[in-house]
Amino acid sequence: MTEADVRKGMPPVRLSRQEFELRYKSQFVDPAFAPLQRELDAIVGAAWDPYSHSRKAPLTRKAEPGFSDPDMQLISAGRFAELDGYGGYMEPYANSHRALDDSELHEEVMNAARALGNAVRLAQSGRLDDPGTGLAEPNQK
């Protein structure tokens, strides 16, 4: 029996500028957008630059020691989206579930979910700053 040729990953799909513009503008076919063609052209131009230079995430931070690649760039969703408490990580199973019943941990997880939702909305609108703004730290250290 011959060994299978295992392929990993997908080849990158590179759209031409013309195809990119066609796909991008396909979202704006409603006649209400007709008077905004000049603005849409400017938006397409602004969107083409990061696409053509593979800048998928403008806000990143360096990974920390302990990651398999500490120099990897991580997409930042704000500090509240990055949980710093992993209850029960090093405890035996019989004890670790109690740490997960902590209301502060629940609030921290909820803040992470809220911040992620905020980050998605802001990124989609092009206004991603600090998605955790306004969230309170549940576990004062």
Protein backbone atom coordinates (compact mmCIF):
# COMPACT_ATOMS: atom_id res chain seq x y z
CA MET A 1 0.00 0.00 0.00
CA THR A 2 1.39 3.43 -0.92
CA GLU A 3 1.45 6.24 1.58
CA ALA A 4 -1.01 9.07 1.12
CA ASP A 5 0.32 12.48 0.18
CA VAL A 6 -0.85 14.57 3.15
CA ARG A 7 -1.36 18.22 2.34
CA LYS A 8 -1.71 20.81 5.05
CA GLY A 9 -3.33 24.21 4.80
CA MET A 10 -4.97 25.89 1.88
CA PRO A 11 -3.25 27.81 -0.88
CA PRO A 12 -3.88 31.53 -0.55
CA VAL A 13 -6.59 32.93 -2.80
CA ARG A 14 -5.47 36.22 -4.31
CA LEU A 15 -8.18 38.25 -5.96
CA SER A 16 -7.35 40.73 -8.66
CA ARG A 17 -8.22 44.36 -7.89
CA GLN A 18 -11.13 44.11 -10.32
CA GLU A 19 -12.54 40.93 -8.73
CA PHE A 20 -12.03 42.36 -5.23
CA GLU A 21 -13.97 45.50 -6.20
CA LEU A 22 -16.80 43.47 -7.79
CA ARG A 23 -17.18 41.30 -4.70
CA TYR A 24 -16.91 44.22 -2.27
CA LYS A 25 -19.43 46.38 -4.12
CA SER A 26 -21.88 43.48 -4.46
CA GLN A 27 -23.01 44.37 -0.92
CA PHE A 28 -24.21 47.78 -2.14
CA VAL A 29 -26.58 46.94 -5.01
CA ASP A 30 -29.57 48.66 -3.44
CA PRO A 31 -30.48 51.82 -5.40
CA ALA A 32 -30.13 53.79 -2.15
CA PHE A 33 -26.33 53.51 -2.64
CA ALA A 34 -26.35 54.95 -6.19
CA PRO A 35 -25.61 58.54 -5.08
CA LEU A 36 -22.72 57.28 -2.93
CA GLN A 37 -20.59 55.74 -5.70
CA ARG A 38 -17.68 58.17 -5.16
CA GLU A 39 -17.64 57.35 -1.44
CA LEU A 40 -17.89 53.62 -2.17
CA ASP A 41 -14.95 53.89 -4.58
CA ALA A 42 -12.91 55.53 -1.80
CA ILE A 43 -13.92 52.79 0.65
CA VAL A 44 -13.01 50.07 -1.84
CA GLY A 45 -9.61 51.75 -2.31
CA ALA A 46 -9.09 51.88 1.45
CA ALA A 47 -10.13 48.22 1.82
CA TRP A 48 -7.92 47.08 -1.08
CA ASP A 49 -4.71 48.30 0.56
CA PRO A 50 -4.82 46.03 3.65
CA TYR A 51 -6.13 43.13 1.54
CA SER A 52 -3.38 43.43 -1.07
CA HIS A 53 -0.71 43.65 1.66
CA SER A 54 -2.23 40.81 3.76
CA ARG A 55 -2.89 43.07 6.77
CA LYS A 56 -5.80 41.12 8.23
CA ALA A 57 -5.56 42.40 11.78
CA PRO A 58 -4.21 45.91 12.37
CA LEU A 59 -4.24 45.59 16.18
CA THR A 60 -1.98 42.78 17.36
CA ARG A 61 0.22 42.02 20.33
CA LYS A 62 3.15 39.67 20.80
CA ALA A 63 2.40 36.26 22.34
CA GLU A 64 3.78 35.57 25.79
CA PRO A 65 6.29 33.05 27.08
CA GLY A 66 4.60 29.68 27.33
CA PHE A 67 3.16 29.83 23.81
CA SER A 68 4.68 27.39 21.34
CA ASP A 69 5.76 30.46 19.34
CA PRO A 70 6.25 33.38 21.78
CA ASP A 71 6.99 35.74 18.85
CA MET A 72 3.64 35.03 17.19
CA GLN A 73 1.41 38.07 16.72
CA LEU A 74 -2.00 37.65 18.37
CA ILE A 75 -5.07 39.62 17.40
CA SER A 76 -5.97 41.86 20.30
CA ALA A 77 -9.59 42.00 21.37
CA GLY A 78 -8.76 44.04 24.47
CA ARG A 79 -7.62 43.02 27.90
CA PHE A 80 -11.06 41.85 29.02
CA ALA A 81 -11.14 39.29 26.21
CA GLU A 82 -7.94 37.71 27.52
CA LEU A 83 -8.74 35.74 30.62
CA ASP A 84 -5.96 35.75 33.17
CA GLY A 85 -7.56 33.21 35.49
CA TYR A 86 -7.75 29.56 34.54
CA GLY A 87 -9.42 28.03 37.56
CA GLY A 88 -8.38 24.51 38.34
CA TYR A 89 -5.78 24.30 35.58
CA MET A 90 -3.26 22.45 37.73
CA GLU A 91 -5.65 20.91 40.28
CA PRO A 92 -7.01 17.37 40.30
CA TYR A 93 -10.43 17.10 38.64
CA ALA A 94 -12.18 16.41 41.94
CA ASN A 95 -11.15 19.87 43.21
CA SER A 96 -10.97 21.92 40.02
CA HIS A 97 -14.72 22.16 39.37
CA ARG A 98 -15.14 24.18 42.56
CA ALA A 99 -12.84 26.88 41.22
CA LEU A 100 -15.02 27.14 38.12
CA ASP A 101 -18.11 27.85 40.27
CA ASP A 102 -16.58 31.18 41.30
CA SER A 103 -18.90 34.11 40.43
CA GLU A 104 -15.89 36.36 39.72
CA LEU A 105 -14.65 33.86 37.13
CA HIS A 106 -18.15 33.76 35.59
CA GLU A 107 -18.16 37.56 35.32
CA GLU A 108 -14.66 37.48 33.83
CA VAL A 109 -15.82 34.99 31.19
CA MET A 110 -18.89 37.13 30.47
CA ASN A 111 -16.65 40.20 30.09
CA ALA A 112 -14.49 38.26 27.66
CA ALA A 113 -17.56 37.34 25.60
CA ARG A 114 -18.87 40.93 25.70
CA ALA A 115 -15.48 42.32 24.68
CA LEU A 116 -15.23 39.84 21.81
CA GLY A 117 -18.70 40.82 20.60
CA ASN A 118 -17.74 44.50 20.85
CA ALA A 119 -14.51 43.82 18.97
CA VAL A 120 -16.38 42.10 16.14
CA ARG A 121 -18.88 44.97 15.82
CA LEU A 122 -16.13 47.60 15.94
CA ALA A 123 -13.91 45.71 13.49
CA GLN A 124 -16.80 45.39 11.05
CA SER A 125 -17.40 49.13 11.26
CA GLY A 126 -13.67 49.96 11.04
CA ARG A 127 -13.55 51.55 14.51
CA LEU A 128 -11.74 48.92 16.59
CA ASP A 129 -10.03 50.71 19.48
CA ASP A 130 -10.36 49.16 22.96
CA PRO A 131 -13.45 46.91 22.99
CA GLY A 132 -13.21 46.47 26.78
CA THR A 133 -13.93 50.14 27.46
CA GLY A 134 -16.61 50.48 30.12
CA LEU A 135 -16.31 46.95 31.49
CA ALA A 136 -15.52 46.67 35.20
CA GLU A 137 -12.75 44.41 36.52
CA PRO A 138 -14.62 41.78 38.62
CA ASN A 139 -11.51 40.47 40.35
CA GLN A 140 -9.61 43.41 41.85
CA LYS A 141 -6.00 42.35 42.35
